[in-house]
N, C-alpha and C. Protein backbone atom coordinates (compact mmCIF):
# COMPACT_ATOMS: atom_id res chain seq x y z
N MET A 1 73.59 -220.83 66.12
CA MET A 1 74.36 -221.56 65.15
C MET A 1 75.47 -220.66 64.61
N ASN A 2 76.59 -221.22 64.34
CA ASN A 2 77.75 -220.49 63.86
C ASN A 2 78.06 -220.84 62.41
N ILE A 3 77.02 -220.75 61.59
CA ILE A 3 77.15 -221.11 60.18
C ILE A 3 76.58 -220.02 59.29
N ALA A 4 77.02 -220.04 58.04
CA ALA A 4 76.40 -219.24 56.98
C ALA A 4 75.69 -220.22 56.06
N SER A 5 74.48 -219.89 55.68
CA SER A 5 73.72 -220.75 54.78
C SER A 5 73.69 -220.16 53.39
N ILE A 6 73.94 -221.00 52.39
CA ILE A 6 73.85 -220.60 50.99
C ILE A 6 72.48 -221.05 50.51
N ILE A 7 71.72 -220.10 49.96
CA ILE A 7 70.34 -220.39 49.54
C ILE A 7 70.20 -220.19 48.04
N ASP A 8 69.64 -221.18 47.36
CA ASP A 8 69.31 -221.06 45.95
C ASP A 8 67.97 -220.33 45.88
N THR A 9 67.99 -219.11 45.34
CA THR A 9 66.77 -218.30 45.34
C THR A 9 65.73 -218.75 44.31
N THR A 10 66.11 -219.63 43.40
CA THR A 10 65.11 -220.15 42.46
C THR A 10 64.27 -221.24 43.12
N THR A 11 64.87 -221.99 44.05
CA THR A 11 64.15 -223.06 44.73
C THR A 11 63.86 -222.74 46.19
N ASN A 12 64.48 -221.66 46.70
CA ASN A 12 64.37 -221.28 48.12
C ASN A 12 64.82 -222.42 49.04
N GLU A 13 65.85 -223.10 48.63
CA GLU A 13 66.42 -224.22 49.40
C GLU A 13 67.85 -223.89 49.82
N VAL A 14 68.22 -224.35 51.01
CA VAL A 14 69.61 -224.24 51.44
C VAL A 14 70.42 -225.28 50.69
N THR A 15 71.44 -224.81 49.98
CA THR A 15 72.27 -225.72 49.18
C THR A 15 73.58 -226.07 49.87
N LYS A 16 73.98 -225.24 50.85
CA LYS A 16 75.23 -225.49 51.55
C LYS A 16 75.25 -224.69 52.84
N THR A 17 75.89 -225.23 53.85
CA THR A 17 76.17 -224.47 55.06
C THR A 17 77.69 -224.44 55.26
N ILE A 18 78.16 -223.32 55.78
CA ILE A 18 79.59 -223.12 55.96
C ILE A 18 79.84 -222.76 57.42
N ASP A 19 80.72 -223.50 58.09
CA ASP A 19 81.14 -223.12 59.44
C ASP A 19 81.95 -221.84 59.34
N VAL A 20 81.57 -220.83 60.13
CA VAL A 20 82.26 -219.55 60.01
C VAL A 20 82.89 -219.04 61.31
N GLY A 21 82.31 -219.32 62.45
CA GLY A 21 82.82 -218.79 63.71
C GLY A 21 81.68 -218.35 64.59
N LYS A 22 82.02 -217.67 65.68
CA LYS A 22 81.03 -217.32 66.71
C LYS A 22 80.22 -216.07 66.37
N LYS A 23 78.93 -216.24 66.44
CA LYS A 23 77.93 -215.18 66.28
C LYS A 23 78.05 -214.42 64.96
N PRO A 24 77.82 -215.10 63.83
CA PRO A 24 77.76 -214.39 62.55
C PRO A 24 76.64 -213.35 62.62
N THR A 25 76.95 -212.14 62.18
CA THR A 25 76.02 -211.03 62.41
C THR A 25 75.49 -210.41 61.13
N GLN A 26 76.36 -210.01 60.22
CA GLN A 26 75.95 -209.27 59.03
C GLN A 26 76.79 -209.71 57.84
N VAL A 27 76.22 -209.67 56.65
CA VAL A 27 76.96 -210.00 55.44
C VAL A 27 77.00 -208.82 54.48
N ALA A 28 78.07 -208.76 53.69
CA ALA A 28 78.20 -207.72 52.66
C ALA A 28 78.90 -208.32 51.45
N PRO A 29 78.18 -208.45 50.35
CA PRO A 29 78.83 -208.93 49.12
C PRO A 29 79.56 -207.78 48.43
N THR A 30 80.61 -208.11 47.69
CA THR A 30 81.22 -207.10 46.83
C THR A 30 80.35 -206.99 45.57
N SER A 31 80.33 -205.83 44.96
CA SER A 31 79.46 -205.63 43.80
C SER A 31 79.90 -206.46 42.59
N ASP A 32 81.17 -206.85 42.55
CA ASP A 32 81.62 -207.70 41.44
C ASP A 32 81.26 -209.17 41.66
N GLY A 33 80.72 -209.49 42.83
CA GLY A 33 80.24 -210.84 43.10
C GLY A 33 81.31 -211.85 43.51
N LYS A 34 82.56 -211.42 43.67
CA LYS A 34 83.65 -212.36 43.99
C LYS A 34 83.64 -212.84 45.44
N TYR A 35 83.28 -211.94 46.35
CA TYR A 35 83.38 -212.27 47.77
C TYR A 35 82.13 -211.85 48.54
N VAL A 36 81.93 -212.54 49.66
CA VAL A 36 80.97 -212.12 50.66
C VAL A 36 81.76 -211.98 51.96
N PHE A 37 81.61 -210.84 52.61
CA PHE A 37 82.26 -210.59 53.89
C PHE A 37 81.22 -210.74 54.99
N LEU A 38 81.62 -211.31 56.12
CA LEU A 38 80.69 -211.65 57.20
C LEU A 38 81.33 -211.30 58.53
N THR A 39 80.62 -210.50 59.35
CA THR A 39 81.15 -210.18 60.67
C THR A 39 80.84 -211.29 61.66
N LEU A 40 81.79 -211.53 62.56
CA LEU A 40 81.64 -212.48 63.66
C LEU A 40 81.81 -211.69 64.95
N SER A 41 80.68 -211.30 65.55
CA SER A 41 80.71 -210.39 66.69
C SER A 41 81.41 -210.95 67.91
N ASP A 42 81.26 -212.23 68.19
CA ASP A 42 81.90 -212.80 69.38
C ASP A 42 83.38 -213.10 69.18
N ASP A 43 83.83 -213.26 67.94
CA ASP A 43 85.24 -213.53 67.67
C ASP A 43 86.04 -212.26 67.36
N ASN A 44 85.33 -211.14 67.07
CA ASN A 44 85.97 -209.89 66.65
C ASN A 44 86.73 -210.06 65.33
N TRP A 45 86.11 -210.78 64.41
CA TRP A 45 86.70 -211.09 63.12
C TRP A 45 85.73 -210.77 62.00
N VAL A 46 86.30 -210.72 60.81
CA VAL A 46 85.52 -210.75 59.57
C VAL A 46 85.99 -211.98 58.80
N VAL A 47 85.03 -212.71 58.26
CA VAL A 47 85.30 -213.89 57.44
C VAL A 47 85.04 -213.51 55.99
N VAL A 48 85.88 -214.01 55.09
CA VAL A 48 85.71 -213.78 53.66
C VAL A 48 85.35 -215.11 53.01
N ILE A 49 84.22 -215.11 52.30
CA ILE A 49 83.77 -216.30 51.58
C ILE A 49 83.96 -216.05 50.09
N ASP A 50 84.67 -216.95 49.43
CA ASP A 50 84.84 -216.90 47.98
C ASP A 50 83.56 -217.45 47.35
N THR A 51 82.91 -216.67 46.50
CA THR A 51 81.62 -217.10 45.95
C THR A 51 81.75 -218.15 44.85
N THR A 52 82.93 -218.34 44.31
CA THR A 52 83.13 -219.38 43.31
C THR A 52 83.16 -220.76 43.96
N THR A 53 83.89 -220.86 45.07
CA THR A 53 84.04 -222.13 45.76
C THR A 53 83.10 -222.28 46.95
N MET A 54 82.49 -221.17 47.37
CA MET A 54 81.64 -221.13 48.56
C MET A 54 82.36 -221.70 49.79
N THR A 55 83.61 -221.25 49.93
CA THR A 55 84.41 -221.64 51.09
C THR A 55 85.03 -220.39 51.72
N VAL A 56 85.38 -220.50 52.98
CA VAL A 56 86.07 -219.42 53.68
C VAL A 56 87.50 -219.36 53.16
N THR A 57 87.88 -218.20 52.64
CA THR A 57 89.24 -218.04 52.13
C THR A 57 90.13 -217.23 53.05
N LYS A 58 89.51 -216.49 53.98
CA LYS A 58 90.31 -215.66 54.89
C LYS A 58 89.47 -215.32 56.10
N THR A 59 90.13 -215.28 57.24
CA THR A 59 89.53 -214.79 58.49
C THR A 59 90.50 -213.77 59.04
N MET A 60 90.00 -212.58 59.36
CA MET A 60 90.90 -211.53 59.84
C MET A 60 90.33 -210.82 61.06
N PRO A 61 91.19 -210.45 62.01
CA PRO A 61 90.73 -209.68 63.15
C PRO A 61 90.40 -208.25 62.73
N VAL A 62 89.35 -207.71 63.33
CA VAL A 62 89.00 -206.31 63.14
C VAL A 62 88.85 -205.71 64.53
N GLY A 63 88.06 -204.68 64.70
CA GLY A 63 87.85 -204.11 66.03
C GLY A 63 86.95 -204.99 66.88
N LYS A 64 86.68 -204.52 68.08
CA LYS A 64 85.87 -205.27 69.03
C LYS A 64 84.38 -205.17 68.67
N ASP A 65 83.71 -206.31 68.67
CA ASP A 65 82.28 -206.43 68.41
C ASP A 65 81.87 -205.82 67.06
N PRO A 66 82.42 -206.36 65.96
CA PRO A 66 82.01 -205.87 64.64
C PRO A 66 80.55 -206.20 64.37
N ILE A 67 79.84 -205.24 63.83
CA ILE A 67 78.40 -205.42 63.59
C ILE A 67 78.14 -205.39 62.07
N GLN A 68 77.80 -204.22 61.56
CA GLN A 68 77.47 -204.13 60.14
C GLN A 68 78.69 -203.75 59.32
N LEU A 69 78.61 -204.06 58.03
CA LEU A 69 79.70 -203.76 57.10
C LEU A 69 79.12 -203.52 55.72
N PHE A 70 79.90 -202.88 54.87
CA PHE A 70 79.41 -202.50 53.54
C PHE A 70 80.60 -202.41 52.59
N ALA A 71 80.45 -202.94 51.39
CA ALA A 71 81.50 -202.87 50.37
C ALA A 71 81.28 -201.65 49.48
N THR A 72 82.37 -201.07 49.03
CA THR A 72 82.28 -199.93 48.12
C THR A 72 81.77 -200.41 46.75
N PRO A 73 81.14 -199.51 46.00
CA PRO A 73 80.60 -199.90 44.69
C PRO A 73 81.65 -200.46 43.72
N ASP A 74 82.91 -200.03 43.87
CA ASP A 74 83.97 -200.52 42.99
C ASP A 74 84.62 -201.81 43.50
N SER A 75 84.11 -202.36 44.57
CA SER A 75 84.60 -203.62 45.17
C SER A 75 86.05 -203.53 45.64
N ARG A 76 86.54 -202.35 45.94
CA ARG A 76 87.92 -202.19 46.39
C ARG A 76 88.08 -202.23 47.91
N SER A 77 87.05 -201.80 48.63
CA SER A 77 87.15 -201.72 50.08
C SER A 77 85.86 -202.18 50.74
N VAL A 78 86.01 -202.62 52.01
CA VAL A 78 84.87 -202.93 52.86
C VAL A 78 85.07 -202.16 54.15
N TYR A 79 84.00 -201.50 54.61
CA TYR A 79 84.04 -200.73 55.85
C TYR A 79 83.22 -201.47 56.90
N VAL A 80 83.82 -201.66 58.09
CA VAL A 80 83.22 -202.45 59.17
C VAL A 80 83.02 -201.57 60.39
N ALA A 81 81.80 -201.51 60.92
CA ALA A 81 81.52 -200.78 62.15
C ALA A 81 81.81 -201.69 63.35
N ASN A 82 82.73 -201.25 64.20
CA ASN A 82 83.11 -202.02 65.39
C ASN A 82 82.51 -201.36 66.62
N SER A 83 81.40 -201.93 67.09
CA SER A 83 80.62 -201.34 68.17
C SER A 83 81.38 -201.25 69.49
N GLY A 84 82.18 -202.27 69.80
CA GLY A 84 82.88 -202.30 71.07
C GLY A 84 84.14 -201.47 71.14
N SER A 85 84.71 -201.14 69.98
CA SER A 85 85.93 -200.33 69.99
C SER A 85 85.71 -198.93 69.40
N ASN A 86 84.45 -198.63 69.06
CA ASN A 86 84.08 -197.29 68.59
C ASN A 86 84.92 -196.82 67.41
N ASN A 87 85.10 -197.73 66.46
CA ASN A 87 85.85 -197.36 65.27
C ASN A 87 85.35 -198.13 64.05
N ILE A 88 85.98 -197.83 62.93
CA ILE A 88 85.63 -198.44 61.64
C ILE A 88 86.89 -199.09 61.09
N SER A 89 86.81 -200.37 60.76
CA SER A 89 87.92 -201.04 60.09
C SER A 89 87.75 -200.89 58.59
N VAL A 90 88.85 -200.65 57.89
CA VAL A 90 88.84 -200.58 56.43
C VAL A 90 89.59 -201.80 55.91
N ILE A 91 88.91 -202.59 55.10
CA ILE A 91 89.52 -203.79 54.51
C ILE A 91 89.80 -203.54 53.04
N ASP A 92 91.03 -203.82 52.63
CA ASP A 92 91.41 -203.76 51.22
C ASP A 92 91.02 -205.10 50.60
N VAL A 93 90.13 -205.09 49.64
CA VAL A 93 89.64 -206.34 49.04
C VAL A 93 90.72 -207.04 48.23
N ALA A 94 91.62 -206.30 47.58
CA ALA A 94 92.67 -206.92 46.77
C ALA A 94 93.62 -207.76 47.61
N THR A 95 93.94 -207.28 48.81
CA THR A 95 94.88 -208.00 49.68
C THR A 95 94.18 -208.78 50.79
N LEU A 96 92.87 -208.57 50.92
CA LEU A 96 92.09 -209.18 52.00
C LEU A 96 92.76 -208.95 53.35
N SER A 97 93.03 -207.66 53.62
CA SER A 97 93.65 -207.29 54.88
C SER A 97 93.11 -205.95 55.36
N VAL A 98 93.14 -205.76 56.69
CA VAL A 98 92.74 -204.49 57.28
C VAL A 98 93.87 -203.49 57.05
N THR A 99 93.54 -202.36 56.45
CA THR A 99 94.56 -201.35 56.14
C THR A 99 94.45 -200.09 56.98
N ASN A 100 93.33 -199.93 57.68
CA ASN A 100 93.14 -198.69 58.43
C ASN A 100 92.06 -198.88 59.49
N TYR A 101 92.17 -198.08 60.54
CA TYR A 101 91.11 -197.96 61.55
C TYR A 101 90.78 -196.48 61.66
N ILE A 102 89.50 -196.18 61.64
CA ILE A 102 89.03 -194.80 61.69
C ILE A 102 88.21 -194.62 62.96
N ASP A 103 88.52 -193.62 63.76
CA ASP A 103 87.74 -193.35 64.96
C ASP A 103 86.32 -192.95 64.58
N ALA A 104 85.37 -193.42 65.38
CA ALA A 104 83.96 -193.09 65.15
C ALA A 104 83.34 -192.75 66.51
N GLY A 105 82.03 -192.60 66.54
CA GLY A 105 81.35 -192.31 67.80
C GLY A 105 81.17 -193.57 68.63
N GLN A 106 80.47 -193.43 69.74
CA GLN A 106 80.26 -194.56 70.65
C GLN A 106 79.24 -195.54 70.08
N GLY A 107 79.61 -196.81 70.11
CA GLY A 107 78.69 -197.85 69.67
C GLY A 107 78.47 -197.86 68.17
N SER A 108 79.54 -197.77 67.40
CA SER A 108 79.44 -197.79 65.93
C SER A 108 78.64 -199.02 65.50
N HIS A 109 77.68 -198.82 64.62
CA HIS A 109 76.76 -199.93 64.34
C HIS A 109 76.42 -200.08 62.86
N GLY A 110 75.63 -199.18 62.31
CA GLY A 110 75.17 -199.30 60.92
C GLY A 110 76.14 -198.67 59.94
N VAL A 111 76.22 -199.24 58.73
CA VAL A 111 77.13 -198.71 57.70
C VAL A 111 76.40 -198.65 56.36
N VAL A 112 76.62 -197.56 55.65
CA VAL A 112 76.17 -197.46 54.27
C VAL A 112 77.19 -196.59 53.52
N ILE A 113 77.30 -196.82 52.22
CA ILE A 113 78.22 -196.07 51.39
C ILE A 113 77.43 -195.40 50.27
N SER A 114 77.80 -194.15 49.98
CA SER A 114 77.10 -193.43 48.93
C SER A 114 77.24 -194.16 47.59
N LYS A 115 76.26 -193.95 46.74
CA LYS A 115 76.21 -194.64 45.44
C LYS A 115 77.47 -194.42 44.61
N ASP A 116 78.07 -193.23 44.74
CA ASP A 116 79.30 -192.92 44.00
C ASP A 116 80.55 -193.42 44.72
N GLY A 117 80.38 -193.98 45.93
CA GLY A 117 81.50 -194.54 46.67
C GLY A 117 82.38 -193.52 47.38
N LYS A 118 81.99 -192.26 47.38
CA LYS A 118 82.84 -191.21 47.96
C LYS A 118 82.72 -191.09 49.48
N TYR A 119 81.59 -191.50 50.04
CA TYR A 119 81.37 -191.27 51.47
C TYR A 119 80.82 -192.51 52.17
N VAL A 120 81.28 -192.70 53.39
CA VAL A 120 80.78 -193.77 54.27
C VAL A 120 80.04 -193.09 55.42
N TYR A 121 78.89 -193.63 55.76
CA TYR A 121 78.09 -193.12 56.88
C TYR A 121 77.94 -194.26 57.89
N VAL A 122 78.31 -193.99 59.15
CA VAL A 122 78.24 -195.00 60.20
C VAL A 122 77.42 -194.46 61.36
N THR A 123 76.38 -195.21 61.74
CA THR A 123 75.58 -194.80 62.90
C THR A 123 76.32 -195.17 64.18
N ASN A 124 76.14 -194.34 65.20
CA ASN A 124 76.76 -194.55 66.51
C ASN A 124 75.66 -194.54 67.56
N THR A 125 75.27 -195.74 68.02
CA THR A 125 74.12 -195.87 68.91
C THR A 125 74.33 -195.22 70.27
N GLY A 126 75.55 -195.18 70.76
CA GLY A 126 75.83 -194.61 72.08
C GLY A 126 75.96 -193.11 72.09
N SER A 127 76.44 -192.53 71.00
CA SER A 127 76.63 -191.07 70.96
C SER A 127 75.55 -190.36 70.14
N ASN A 128 74.58 -191.13 69.65
CA ASN A 128 73.42 -190.55 68.96
C ASN A 128 73.81 -189.69 67.76
N ASP A 129 74.72 -190.22 66.96
CA ASP A 129 75.15 -189.45 65.80
C ASP A 129 75.61 -190.38 64.68
N ILE A 130 75.99 -189.76 63.58
CA ILE A 130 76.48 -190.48 62.41
C ILE A 130 77.85 -189.91 62.05
N THR A 131 78.82 -190.79 61.88
CA THR A 131 80.16 -190.40 61.44
C THR A 131 80.19 -190.44 59.92
N VAL A 132 80.71 -189.37 59.30
CA VAL A 132 80.82 -189.30 57.85
C VAL A 132 82.30 -189.35 57.48
N VAL A 133 82.65 -190.31 56.60
CA VAL A 133 84.04 -190.54 56.22
C VAL A 133 84.21 -190.32 54.71
N ASP A 134 85.27 -189.62 54.34
CA ASP A 134 85.65 -189.45 52.94
C ASP A 134 86.50 -190.66 52.55
N THR A 135 86.06 -191.45 51.57
CA THR A 135 86.77 -192.67 51.21
C THR A 135 88.07 -192.41 50.45
N SER A 136 88.28 -191.21 49.94
CA SER A 136 89.52 -190.92 49.20
C SER A 136 90.73 -190.90 50.12
N ASN A 137 90.51 -190.56 51.41
CA ASN A 137 91.63 -190.49 52.35
C ASN A 137 91.31 -191.15 53.70
N ASN A 138 90.10 -191.71 53.81
CA ASN A 138 89.63 -192.37 55.05
C ASN A 138 89.71 -191.45 56.26
N LYS A 139 89.34 -190.19 56.06
CA LYS A 139 89.29 -189.20 57.14
C LYS A 139 87.84 -188.86 57.46
N VAL A 140 87.57 -188.64 58.74
CA VAL A 140 86.25 -188.19 59.16
C VAL A 140 86.08 -186.74 58.72
N ILE A 141 85.00 -186.48 57.99
CA ILE A 141 84.76 -185.11 57.51
C ILE A 141 83.57 -184.46 58.21
N GLY A 142 82.88 -185.23 59.04
CA GLY A 142 81.75 -184.64 59.75
C GLY A 142 81.06 -185.61 60.66
N THR A 143 80.26 -185.04 61.54
CA THR A 143 79.41 -185.81 62.45
C THR A 143 78.03 -185.18 62.41
N ILE A 144 77.02 -186.02 62.23
CA ILE A 144 75.64 -185.55 62.15
C ILE A 144 74.90 -186.02 63.39
N THR A 145 74.39 -185.10 64.19
CA THR A 145 73.61 -185.45 65.37
C THR A 145 72.22 -185.90 64.92
N VAL A 146 71.78 -187.04 65.45
CA VAL A 146 70.46 -187.59 65.12
C VAL A 146 69.75 -187.97 66.40
N GLY A 147 68.64 -188.67 66.29
CA GLY A 147 67.87 -189.10 67.46
C GLY A 147 68.59 -190.17 68.27
N LYS A 148 67.94 -190.60 69.32
CA LYS A 148 68.52 -191.55 70.26
C LYS A 148 68.71 -192.93 69.65
N GLY A 149 69.91 -193.48 69.83
CA GLY A 149 70.21 -194.87 69.48
C GLY A 149 70.09 -195.23 68.01
N PRO A 150 70.68 -194.44 67.09
CA PRO A 150 70.57 -194.81 65.67
C PRO A 150 71.18 -196.18 65.43
N ASN A 151 70.52 -196.97 64.61
CA ASN A 151 70.93 -198.35 64.38
C ASN A 151 71.32 -198.52 62.92
N GLY A 152 70.43 -199.04 62.10
CA GLY A 152 70.70 -199.20 60.68
C GLY A 152 70.63 -197.87 59.96
N ILE A 153 71.10 -197.87 58.73
CA ILE A 153 71.10 -196.63 57.94
C ILE A 153 70.96 -196.99 56.46
N THR A 154 70.22 -196.15 55.74
CA THR A 154 70.03 -196.30 54.31
C THR A 154 70.12 -194.93 53.67
N LEU A 155 70.66 -194.86 52.48
CA LEU A 155 70.70 -193.60 51.73
C LEU A 155 69.64 -193.65 50.64
N LEU A 156 68.99 -192.54 50.44
CA LEU A 156 68.01 -192.41 49.37
C LEU A 156 68.53 -191.39 48.37
N ASP A 157 68.84 -191.84 47.18
CA ASP A 157 69.33 -190.94 46.13
C ASP A 157 68.13 -190.30 45.43
N LYS A 158 68.15 -189.00 45.34
CA LYS A 158 67.07 -188.27 44.67
C LYS A 158 67.61 -187.53 43.49
């Protein structure tokens, strides 16, 4: 199915479905609650859903085979892992447009952003590593070698 379902968590009922495009894969809400971003892996797009109207307000091309994505804590940017093009798309939330592409490892897949919003971590399933990006300038500051085929990623603040 090529839809996004809106679920009322008090009743656990689907209240609305939205046609979005081919192969919806992952969602990322902004922390201010204004938007939900959704990757469409078969279309190579990201869809933006306005949470007030629960309608698609923008569809934009990103890299090839976008998988996971994550919004910064300040709701200013969304980072998208593009598995087929081995890069990361940076979306400016204010303009709802892609402003940058950052090279990553092979098979970019999982995305997480540090609690302070300073760093993005992207798993690369093909190169068995994690790309670390500084969000102040969108530059790669490191690569961490990990086990075979890293997929999702989570940060634990201690």
